[in-house]
Protein backbone atom coordinates (compact mmCIF):
# COMPACT_ATOMS: atom_id res chain seq x y z
CA MET A 1 0.00 0.00 0.00
CA ASP A 2 1.17 3.51 -0.82
CA HIS A 3 0.55 5.15 2.56
CA THR A 4 1.31 8.64 1.28
CA ALA A 5 -1.33 8.31 -1.43
CA HIS A 6 -3.75 6.92 1.14
CA VAL A 7 -3.20 9.93 3.41
CA ARG A 8 -3.66 12.28 0.46
CA ARG A 9 -7.00 10.56 -0.30
CA HIS A 10 -8.12 11.36 3.28
CA PHE A 11 -7.26 15.01 2.72
CA GLN A 12 -9.09 15.05 -0.61
CA ASP A 13 -12.18 13.35 0.85
CA ALA A 14 -12.25 15.86 3.70
CA ILE A 15 -11.87 18.80 1.30
CA GLU A 16 -14.67 17.54 -0.93
CA LEU A 17 -17.05 17.00 1.99
CA LYS A 18 -16.28 20.37 3.58
CA THR A 19 -16.78 22.10 0.25
CA ARG A 20 -20.16 20.41 -0.21
CA MET A 21 -21.19 21.15 3.39
CA SER A 22 -20.18 24.82 3.07
CA GLU A 23 -22.99 25.21 0.53
CA THR A 24 -25.71 23.39 2.47
CA LEU A 25 -24.74 23.83 6.13
CA ALA A 26 -23.43 27.41 6.35
CA PRO A 27 -26.87 29.09 6.70
CA ALA A 28 -27.94 26.62 9.40
CA ILE A 29 -24.70 27.12 11.33
CA ALA A 30 -25.11 30.91 11.14
CA ARG A 31 -28.70 30.71 12.45
CA ALA A 32 -27.67 28.34 15.26
CA GLY A 33 -24.78 30.62 16.24
CA GLU A 34 -27.11 33.63 16.32
CA ALA A 35 -29.56 31.68 18.52
CA LEU A 36 -26.80 30.64 20.94
CA ALA A 37 -25.54 34.23 21.07
CA ALA A 38 -29.06 35.47 21.84
CA ALA A 39 -29.37 32.99 24.72
CA LEU A 40 -25.99 34.04 26.11
CA ALA A 41 -26.88 37.74 25.72
CA ARG A 42 -29.99 37.13 27.87
CA GLY A 43 -27.78 35.71 30.64
CA ASN A 44 -28.51 32.07 29.83
CA LYS A 45 -25.98 29.28 29.36
CA VAL A 46 -25.14 26.46 26.97
CA LEU A 47 -24.99 22.83 28.13
CA ALA A 48 -23.24 20.35 25.81
CA CYS A 49 -23.36 16.56 25.61
CA GLY A 50 -22.11 13.71 23.44
CA ASN A 51 -20.18 10.43 23.64
CA GLY A 52 -16.63 9.50 22.68
CA GLY A 53 -15.23 11.93 20.12
CA SER A 54 -18.40 13.98 20.47
CA ALA A 55 -17.71 14.25 24.23
CA ALA A 56 -14.30 15.69 23.41
CA ASP A 57 -15.93 18.13 21.00
CA CYS A 58 -18.34 19.25 23.76
CA GLN A 59 -15.42 19.95 26.06
CA HIS A 60 -13.60 21.80 23.30
CA PHE A 61 -16.66 23.96 22.59
CA ALA A 62 -17.26 24.78 26.27
CA ALA A 63 -13.59 25.67 26.73
CA GLU A 64 -13.72 28.08 23.77
CA LEU A 65 -16.71 29.89 25.34
CA VAL A 66 -15.55 29.92 28.95
CA GLY A 67 -12.00 30.92 28.03
CA ARG A 68 -11.72 32.54 24.65
CA PHE A 69 -11.98 31.62 21.01
CA GLU A 70 -9.89 34.06 18.95
CA ARG A 71 -10.30 37.33 20.82
CA GLU A 72 -10.14 38.64 24.34
CA ARG A 73 -13.60 38.95 25.85
CA PRO A 74 -15.38 38.06 29.09
CA GLY A 75 -15.97 34.34 29.58
CA LEU A 76 -19.31 32.94 28.47
CA PRO A 77 -21.29 30.37 30.49
CA ALA A 78 -20.97 26.91 28.94
CA VAL A 79 -20.81 23.50 30.61
CA ALA A 80 -19.75 20.21 29.05
CA LEU A 81 -21.90 17.56 30.73
CA THR A 82 -19.21 15.01 29.93
CA VAL A 83 -16.57 16.02 32.50
CA ASP A 84 -17.95 15.39 36.02
CA THR A 85 -16.88 11.79 36.58
CA SER A 86 -18.58 11.57 39.97
CA ALA A 87 -21.94 12.68 38.54
CA LEU A 88 -21.56 10.54 35.41
CA THR A 89 -20.66 7.37 37.29
CA ALA A 90 -23.23 7.91 40.05
CA ILE A 91 -26.04 8.46 37.55
CA ALA A 92 -24.93 5.51 35.40
CA ASN A 93 -24.67 3.27 38.46
CA ASP A 94 -27.86 4.39 40.25
CA TYR A 95 -30.06 4.84 37.15
CA SER A 96 -28.56 3.94 33.77
CA TYR A 97 -26.04 5.24 31.28
CA ASP A 98 -28.98 6.45 29.20
CA GLU A 99 -29.65 9.10 31.87
CA VAL A 100 -26.13 10.48 32.44
CA PHE A 101 -26.91 13.68 30.52
CA SER A 102 -30.66 14.07 31.09
CA LYS A 103 -30.26 14.07 34.89
CA GLN A 104 -27.71 16.87 34.56
CA VAL A 105 -29.98 18.83 32.21
CA GLU A 106 -32.80 18.48 34.76
CA ALA A 107 -30.50 19.76 37.52
CA LEU A 108 -28.65 22.52 35.66
CA GLY A 109 -30.87 23.55 32.74
CA ARG A 110 -33.22 26.51 32.94
CA GLU A 111 -35.77 27.98 30.56
CA GLY A 112 -33.93 29.99 27.91
CA ASP A 113 -30.73 27.94 28.13
CA ALA A 114 -29.55 25.94 25.12
CA LEU A 115 -28.44 22.34 24.74
CA LEU A 116 -25.71 21.49 22.25
CA ALA A 117 -26.31 17.80 21.46
CA LEU A 118 -23.77 15.85 19.40
CA SER A 119 -24.08 12.37 17.92
CA THR A 120 -22.57 11.17 14.66
CA SER A 121 -25.33 8.55 14.34
CA GLY A 122 -28.13 10.75 15.65
CA ASN A 123 -29.26 7.77 17.73
CA SER A 124 -27.32 8.01 21.01
CA ARG A 125 -29.91 7.17 23.66
CA ASN A 126 -28.38 9.34 26.37
CA VAL A 127 -28.20 12.36 24.04
CA ILE A 128 -31.81 11.80 22.97
CA ALA A 129 -32.84 11.65 26.65
CA ALA A 130 -30.98 14.95 27.22
CA MET A 131 -32.89 16.53 24.33
CA LYS A 132 -36.19 15.43 25.87
CA ALA A 133 -35.13 16.86 29.26
CA ALA A 134 -34.13 20.13 27.56
CA ARG A 135 -37.51 20.38 25.85
CA ALA A 136 -39.25 19.87 29.23
CA ARG A 137 -37.13 22.72 30.63
CA GLY A 138 -37.94 25.14 27.80
CA MET A 139 -34.45 24.99 26.31
CA ALA A 140 -33.59 25.25 22.62
CA VAL A 141 -31.53 22.44 21.10
CA VAL A 142 -28.69 22.71 18.61
CA ALA A 143 -28.16 19.16 17.32
CA LEU A 144 -25.04 18.12 15.42
CA THR A 145 -25.63 14.79 13.72
CA GLY A 146 -24.39 12.68 10.84
CA ARG A 147 -25.79 10.23 8.31
CA ASP A 148 -29.58 10.81 8.11
CA GLY A 149 -29.83 12.57 11.49
CA GLY A 150 -31.35 9.54 13.19
CA GLU A 151 -33.90 9.82 15.98
CA MET A 152 -32.47 13.18 17.03
CA ALA A 153 -33.61 14.75 13.76
CA ARG A 154 -37.16 13.53 14.36
CA LEU A 155 -37.23 15.03 17.88
CA LEU A 156 -36.33 18.56 16.88
CA GLY A 157 -38.98 21.27 17.16
CA PRO A 158 -39.48 24.59 15.39
CA GLY A 159 -37.19 26.53 17.78
CA ASP A 160 -34.35 24.03 17.43
CA HIS A 161 -31.43 23.86 14.99
CA HIS A 162 -30.17 20.83 13.07
CA LEU A 163 -26.61 20.73 11.74
CA ASN A 164 -26.55 17.47 9.84
CA VAL A 165 -23.46 16.14 8.06
CA ALA A 166 -25.02 13.67 5.63
CA HIS A 167 -22.06 11.34 5.24
CA PRO A 168 -21.59 7.66 6.19
CA ARG A 169 -18.09 7.83 7.76
CA THR A 170 -17.77 8.81 11.42
CA MET A 171 -14.36 10.46 11.07
CA ARG A 172 -15.54 12.69 8.22
CA ILE A 173 -18.65 13.67 10.21
CA GLN A 174 -16.48 14.53 13.22
CA GLU A 175 -14.15 16.63 11.06
CA VAL A 176 -17.07 18.75 9.88
CA HIS A 177 -18.54 18.88 13.39
CA ILE A 178 -15.40 20.49 14.79
CA LEU A 179 -15.39 23.03 11.96
CA ALA A 180 -19.08 23.75 12.65
CA LEU A 181 -18.31 24.24 16.35
CA HIS A 182 -15.55 26.72 15.51
CA CYS A 183 -17.99 28.55 13.22
CA LEU A 184 -20.55 28.66 16.06
CA CYS A 185 -17.92 30.15 18.39
CA ASP A 186 -16.95 32.73 15.79
CA THR A 187 -20.59 33.69 15.14
CA ILE A 188 -21.26 33.99 18.88
CA ASP A 189 -18.26 36.30 19.29
CA ASN A 190 -19.25 38.39 16.26
CA VAL A 191 -22.84 38.80 17.48
CA LEU A 192 -21.90 39.62 21.06
CA HIS A 193 -18.73 41.65 20.48
CA GLY A 194 -18.89 42.94 16.91
CA GLU A 195 -17.33 41.72 13.69
CA LYS A 196 -13.59 41.12 13.95
């Protein structure tokens, strides 16, 4: 196998998908970023959840808001529901893994907050449960999914936002998800603190 050619094919595949997604996804990302900025401007917060690589993306997103993205500004309230090992393991042990995020949304979420929900399949049961808890709390949902959007796509309401990367490969979906998250951060900063 020519490993260099194989690596170049990965780059080309990623470029082609990102180019295609820039046409279809950019307006949805802009609207979702504006909605998140509006929630933060009202004094609300963003809660984020996902599993595996999506959990890492949640932490990355929350860190960009709480710290900074590309400019100096006051920290913004964002919490990755993936980082409290005591809460995660207690909820998984006492209830089930399906409830590790929904219990936290019930405890921390308030009307007007937003939930950032990530799942490359769109079918992660614990993320779906978090979306249902967010809806019960009067929170908007920004869902990042892959493939056909799965069950998460069917749960979204009129005030929610769906950022779907319609591609079969998990790694390609995740690559676009991280770009979408950076675009959300940039939009939030531009809305709240003026164009850079």
